[in-house]
Amino acid sequence: MSDIIIRRQHGKSLAEARASAEHMAAELKEEFDLDYIWIGNVMRFKRPGVAGELSVNDQTVALNIRLGLLLFALKPAIEREIHRFFDENFPS
């Protein structure tokens, strides 16, 4: 297993941060077939080989992903894609 952990300050209200996270999740669902559910301000998601959560508050957004063995080799590409999504939805 391999983990990807990303935390970023966002400068948005909690409602705006959650809306950005929802937009990001919808794109990831469409592109990578991720299933997700919100529990409070934490979005939990998974698909075969990937599981994790994205949490938002009024200051930060935090992403924790656990990659399965088959996706371990793709970790650098997945991490780049995640940073791109963060840059689009939570610019610093």
N, C-alpha and C. Protein backbone atom coordinates (compact mmCIF):
# COMPACT_ATOMS: atom_id res chain seq x y z
N MET A 1 0.84 -1.18 0.00
CA MET A 1 0.00 0.00 0.00
C MET A 1 0.88 1.25 0.00
N SER A 2 0.36 2.30 -0.60
CA SER A 2 1.07 3.56 -0.67
C SER A 2 0.08 4.69 -0.42
N ASP A 3 0.50 5.66 0.36
CA ASP A 3 -0.39 6.76 0.71
C ASP A 3 0.02 8.04 -0.01
N ILE A 4 -0.98 8.85 -0.31
CA ILE A 4 -0.79 10.20 -0.81
C ILE A 4 -1.51 11.11 0.18
N ILE A 5 -0.80 12.07 0.73
CA ILE A 5 -1.38 13.00 1.70
C ILE A 5 -1.09 14.42 1.23
N ILE A 6 -2.16 15.19 1.06
CA ILE A 6 -2.03 16.57 0.60
C ILE A 6 -2.90 17.45 1.50
N ARG A 7 -2.33 18.54 1.98
CA ARG A 7 -3.07 19.52 2.75
C ARG A 7 -2.79 20.90 2.16
N ARG A 8 -3.83 21.70 2.10
CA ARG A 8 -3.67 23.03 1.51
C ARG A 8 -4.62 24.01 2.19
N GLN A 9 -4.13 25.21 2.47
CA GLN A 9 -5.01 26.27 2.93
C GLN A 9 -5.74 26.83 1.71
N HIS A 10 -7.00 27.25 1.89
CA HIS A 10 -7.77 27.64 0.72
C HIS A 10 -8.30 29.07 0.70
N GLY A 11 -8.49 29.73 1.81
CA GLY A 11 -8.96 31.12 1.80
C GLY A 11 -10.41 31.27 1.35
N LYS A 12 -11.21 30.23 1.42
CA LYS A 12 -12.62 30.27 1.05
C LYS A 12 -13.47 30.09 2.30
N SER A 13 -14.75 30.41 2.18
CA SER A 13 -15.66 30.07 3.27
C SER A 13 -15.84 28.55 3.27
N LEU A 14 -16.38 28.03 4.36
CA LEU A 14 -16.61 26.59 4.43
C LEU A 14 -17.55 26.14 3.32
N ALA A 15 -18.61 26.90 3.07
CA ALA A 15 -19.56 26.55 2.00
C ALA A 15 -18.88 26.54 0.64
N GLU A 16 -18.04 27.54 0.37
CA GLU A 16 -17.31 27.60 -0.91
C GLU A 16 -16.32 26.44 -1.03
N ALA A 17 -15.64 26.13 0.07
CA ALA A 17 -14.66 25.03 0.05
C ALA A 17 -15.36 23.71 -0.21
N ARG A 18 -16.51 23.53 0.44
CA ARG A 18 -17.25 22.28 0.23
C ARG A 18 -17.78 22.20 -1.20
N ALA A 19 -18.25 23.31 -1.75
CA ALA A 19 -18.71 23.32 -3.14
C ALA A 19 -17.56 23.00 -4.10
N SER A 20 -16.37 23.52 -3.83
CA SER A 20 -15.21 23.21 -4.67
C SER A 20 -14.85 21.73 -4.55
N ALA A 21 -14.92 21.20 -3.33
CA ALA A 21 -14.63 19.78 -3.13
C ALA A 21 -15.66 18.91 -3.85
N GLU A 22 -16.91 19.31 -3.82
CA GLU A 22 -17.97 18.57 -4.52
C GLU A 22 -17.72 18.59 -6.03
N HIS A 23 -17.33 19.76 -6.55
CA HIS A 23 -17.02 19.87 -7.98
C HIS A 23 -15.85 18.94 -8.33
N MET A 24 -14.83 18.95 -7.51
CA MET A 24 -13.67 18.10 -7.74
C MET A 24 -14.07 16.63 -7.69
N ALA A 25 -14.92 16.27 -6.73
CA ALA A 25 -15.37 14.88 -6.60
C ALA A 25 -16.18 14.44 -7.81
N ALA A 26 -17.04 15.32 -8.31
CA ALA A 26 -17.85 14.99 -9.49
C ALA A 26 -16.95 14.74 -10.70
N GLU A 27 -15.90 15.55 -10.85
CA GLU A 27 -14.96 15.34 -11.96
C GLU A 27 -14.23 14.01 -11.80
N LEU A 28 -13.80 13.71 -10.57
CA LEU A 28 -13.09 12.45 -10.33
C LEU A 28 -14.01 11.25 -10.53
N LYS A 29 -15.27 11.39 -10.14
CA LYS A 29 -16.22 10.30 -10.35
C LYS A 29 -16.38 10.02 -11.83
N GLU A 30 -16.51 11.09 -12.61
CA GLU A 30 -16.68 10.92 -14.06
C GLU A 30 -15.43 10.36 -14.71
N GLU A 31 -14.27 10.89 -14.32
CA GLU A 31 -13.03 10.49 -14.98
C GLU A 31 -12.49 9.15 -14.50
N PHE A 32 -12.65 8.85 -13.19
CA PHE A 32 -12.03 7.66 -12.62
C PHE A 32 -13.02 6.69 -11.99
N ASP A 33 -14.31 6.94 -12.13
CA ASP A 33 -15.36 6.07 -11.61
C ASP A 33 -15.24 5.86 -10.09
N LEU A 34 -14.97 6.96 -9.38
CA LEU A 34 -14.90 6.91 -7.92
C LEU A 34 -16.29 7.06 -7.32
N ASP A 35 -16.63 6.22 -6.37
CA ASP A 35 -17.86 6.39 -5.60
C ASP A 35 -17.50 7.19 -4.35
N TYR A 36 -18.38 8.11 -3.96
CA TYR A 36 -18.09 8.89 -2.76
C TYR A 36 -19.36 9.20 -1.99
N ILE A 37 -19.18 9.54 -0.72
CA ILE A 37 -20.27 9.91 0.16
C ILE A 37 -19.75 10.96 1.13
N TRP A 38 -20.59 11.93 1.42
CA TRP A 38 -20.25 12.95 2.41
C TRP A 38 -20.75 12.53 3.78
N ILE A 39 -19.91 12.66 4.78
CA ILE A 39 -20.29 12.48 6.18
C ILE A 39 -19.81 13.75 6.88
N GLY A 40 -20.74 14.66 7.11
CA GLY A 40 -20.36 15.98 7.62
C GLY A 40 -19.54 16.70 6.57
N ASN A 41 -18.36 17.16 6.94
CA ASN A 41 -17.47 17.85 6.00
C ASN A 41 -16.33 16.95 5.54
N VAL A 42 -16.57 15.65 5.60
CA VAL A 42 -15.58 14.67 5.13
C VAL A 42 -16.21 13.85 4.02
N MET A 43 -15.55 13.83 2.89
CA MET A 43 -16.01 13.03 1.77
C MET A 43 -15.16 11.76 1.73
N ARG A 44 -15.79 10.62 1.83
CA ARG A 44 -15.09 9.34 1.73
C ARG A 44 -15.33 8.78 0.34
N PHE A 45 -14.28 8.24 -0.25
CA PHE A 45 -14.40 7.71 -1.61
C PHE A 45 -13.63 6.42 -1.76
N LYS A 46 -14.04 5.66 -2.77
CA LYS A 46 -13.30 4.44 -3.07
C LYS A 46 -13.68 3.91 -4.44
N ARG A 47 -12.83 3.09 -4.90
CA ARG A 47 -12.98 2.28 -6.10
C ARG A 47 -11.95 1.18 -5.97
N PRO A 48 -12.01 0.15 -6.78
CA PRO A 48 -11.01 -0.90 -6.64
C PRO A 48 -9.58 -0.34 -6.72
N GLY A 49 -8.79 -0.61 -5.70
CA GLY A 49 -7.40 -0.17 -5.66
C GLY A 49 -7.15 1.20 -5.06
N VAL A 50 -8.22 1.94 -4.73
CA VAL A 50 -8.07 3.30 -4.20
C VAL A 50 -9.14 3.53 -3.13
N ALA A 51 -8.73 4.10 -2.02
CA ALA A 51 -9.67 4.51 -0.98
C ALA A 51 -9.10 5.74 -0.30
N GLY A 52 -9.99 6.59 0.21
CA GLY A 52 -9.48 7.76 0.90
C GLY A 52 -10.58 8.69 1.36
N GLU A 53 -10.14 9.85 1.82
CA GLU A 53 -11.08 10.86 2.25
C GLU A 53 -10.52 12.24 2.01
N LEU A 54 -11.46 13.15 1.78
CA LEU A 54 -11.15 14.56 1.59
C LEU A 54 -11.94 15.31 2.65
N SER A 55 -11.25 16.07 3.48
CA SER A 55 -11.95 16.83 4.51
C SER A 55 -11.73 18.32 4.27
N VAL A 56 -12.77 19.09 4.55
CA VAL A 56 -12.70 20.54 4.39
C VAL A 56 -13.13 21.20 5.70
N ASN A 57 -12.52 22.32 5.98
CA ASN A 57 -12.99 23.18 7.05
C ASN A 57 -12.85 24.62 6.55
N ASP A 58 -13.01 25.59 7.43
CA ASP A 58 -13.00 26.97 6.97
C ASP A 58 -11.61 27.50 6.64
N GLN A 59 -10.57 26.69 6.83
CA GLN A 59 -9.21 27.13 6.52
C GLN A 59 -8.45 26.21 5.59
N THR A 60 -8.67 24.91 5.72
CA THR A 60 -7.86 23.95 4.96
C THR A 60 -8.71 22.89 4.29
N VAL A 61 -8.07 22.27 3.32
CA VAL A 61 -8.61 21.08 2.68
C VAL A 61 -7.51 20.02 2.79
N ALA A 62 -7.90 18.82 3.15
CA ALA A 62 -6.92 17.76 3.35
C ALA A 62 -7.38 16.50 2.62
N LEU A 63 -6.46 15.87 1.92
CA LEU A 63 -6.75 14.67 1.16
C LEU A 63 -5.81 13.56 1.60
N ASN A 64 -6.38 12.42 1.92
CA ASN A 64 -5.60 11.23 2.26
C ASN A 64 -6.08 10.10 1.36
N ILE A 65 -5.16 9.53 0.61
CA ILE A 65 -5.50 8.46 -0.33
C ILE A 65 -4.60 7.26 -0.05
N ARG A 66 -5.18 6.09 -0.09
CA ARG A 66 -4.42 4.86 0.01
C ARG A 66 -4.54 4.12 -1.32
N LEU A 67 -3.41 3.91 -1.97
CA LEU A 67 -3.36 3.21 -3.25
C LEU A 67 -3.06 1.73 -3.00
N GLY A 68 -3.76 0.90 -3.71
CA GLY A 68 -3.49 -0.53 -3.65
C GLY A 68 -2.22 -0.88 -4.41
N LEU A 69 -1.83 -2.11 -4.30
CA LEU A 69 -0.59 -2.59 -4.90
C LEU A 69 -0.52 -2.35 -6.41
N LEU A 70 -1.63 -2.58 -7.10
CA LEU A 70 -1.61 -2.44 -8.56
C LEU A 70 -1.44 -1.00 -9.02
N LEU A 71 -1.83 -0.04 -8.20
CA LEU A 71 -1.69 1.37 -8.58
C LEU A 71 -0.43 2.02 -8.02
N PHE A 72 0.33 1.30 -7.23
CA PHE A 72 1.53 1.85 -6.63
C PHE A 72 2.48 2.44 -7.67
N ALA A 73 2.65 1.76 -8.77
CA ALA A 73 3.57 2.23 -9.82
C ALA A 73 3.09 3.52 -10.46
N LEU A 74 1.79 3.79 -10.38
CA LEU A 74 1.23 5.01 -10.97
C LEU A 74 1.16 6.17 -9.99
N LYS A 75 1.70 5.99 -8.79
CA LYS A 75 1.60 7.03 -7.76
C LYS A 75 2.07 8.41 -8.24
N PRO A 76 3.21 8.55 -8.90
CA PRO A 76 3.63 9.89 -9.33
C PRO A 76 2.62 10.54 -10.30
N ALA A 77 2.08 9.77 -11.23
CA ALA A 77 1.10 10.32 -12.17
C ALA A 77 -0.20 10.68 -11.46
N ILE A 78 -0.63 9.85 -10.52
CA ILE A 78 -1.85 10.12 -9.76
C ILE A 78 -1.66 11.37 -8.91
N GLU A 79 -0.50 11.49 -8.29
CA GLU A 79 -0.22 12.66 -7.45
C GLU A 79 -0.20 13.94 -8.28
N ARG A 80 0.37 13.90 -9.47
CA ARG A 80 0.36 15.07 -10.36
C ARG A 80 -1.07 15.47 -10.71
N GLU A 81 -1.89 14.48 -11.03
CA GLU A 81 -3.28 14.75 -11.38
C GLU A 81 -4.04 15.36 -10.20
N ILE A 82 -3.79 14.86 -9.01
CA ILE A 82 -4.44 15.40 -7.82
C ILE A 82 -4.02 16.85 -7.59
N HIS A 83 -2.73 17.14 -7.75
CA HIS A 83 -2.27 18.53 -7.60
C HIS A 83 -2.92 19.43 -8.65
N ARG A 84 -3.12 18.92 -9.84
CA ARG A 84 -3.79 19.70 -10.88
C ARG A 84 -5.23 20.01 -10.44
N PHE A 85 -5.94 19.01 -9.93
CA PHE A 85 -7.30 19.23 -9.44
C PHE A 85 -7.30 20.25 -8.29
N PHE A 86 -6.34 20.13 -7.38
CA PHE A 86 -6.27 21.10 -6.28
C PHE A 86 -5.97 22.50 -6.80
N ASP A 87 -5.05 22.62 -7.77
CA ASP A 87 -4.73 23.92 -8.33
C ASP A 87 -5.95 24.57 -8.97
N GLU A 88 -6.78 23.77 -9.62
CA GLU A 88 -8.00 24.28 -10.27
C GLU A 88 -9.08 24.65 -9.26
N ASN A 89 -9.25 23.83 -8.23
CA ASN A 89 -10.37 24.00 -7.30
C ASN A 89 -10.00 24.72 -6.00
N PHE A 90 -8.74 24.68 -5.61
CA PHE A 90 -8.28 25.35 -4.39
C PHE A 90 -6.98 26.08 -4.65
N PRO A 91 -7.01 27.09 -5.53
CA PRO A 91 -5.76 27.79 -5.84
C PRO A 91 -5.18 28.45 -4.59
N SER A 92 -3.84 28.42 -4.49
CA SER A 92 -3.20 29.02 -3.31
C SER A 92 -2.97 30.49 -3.49
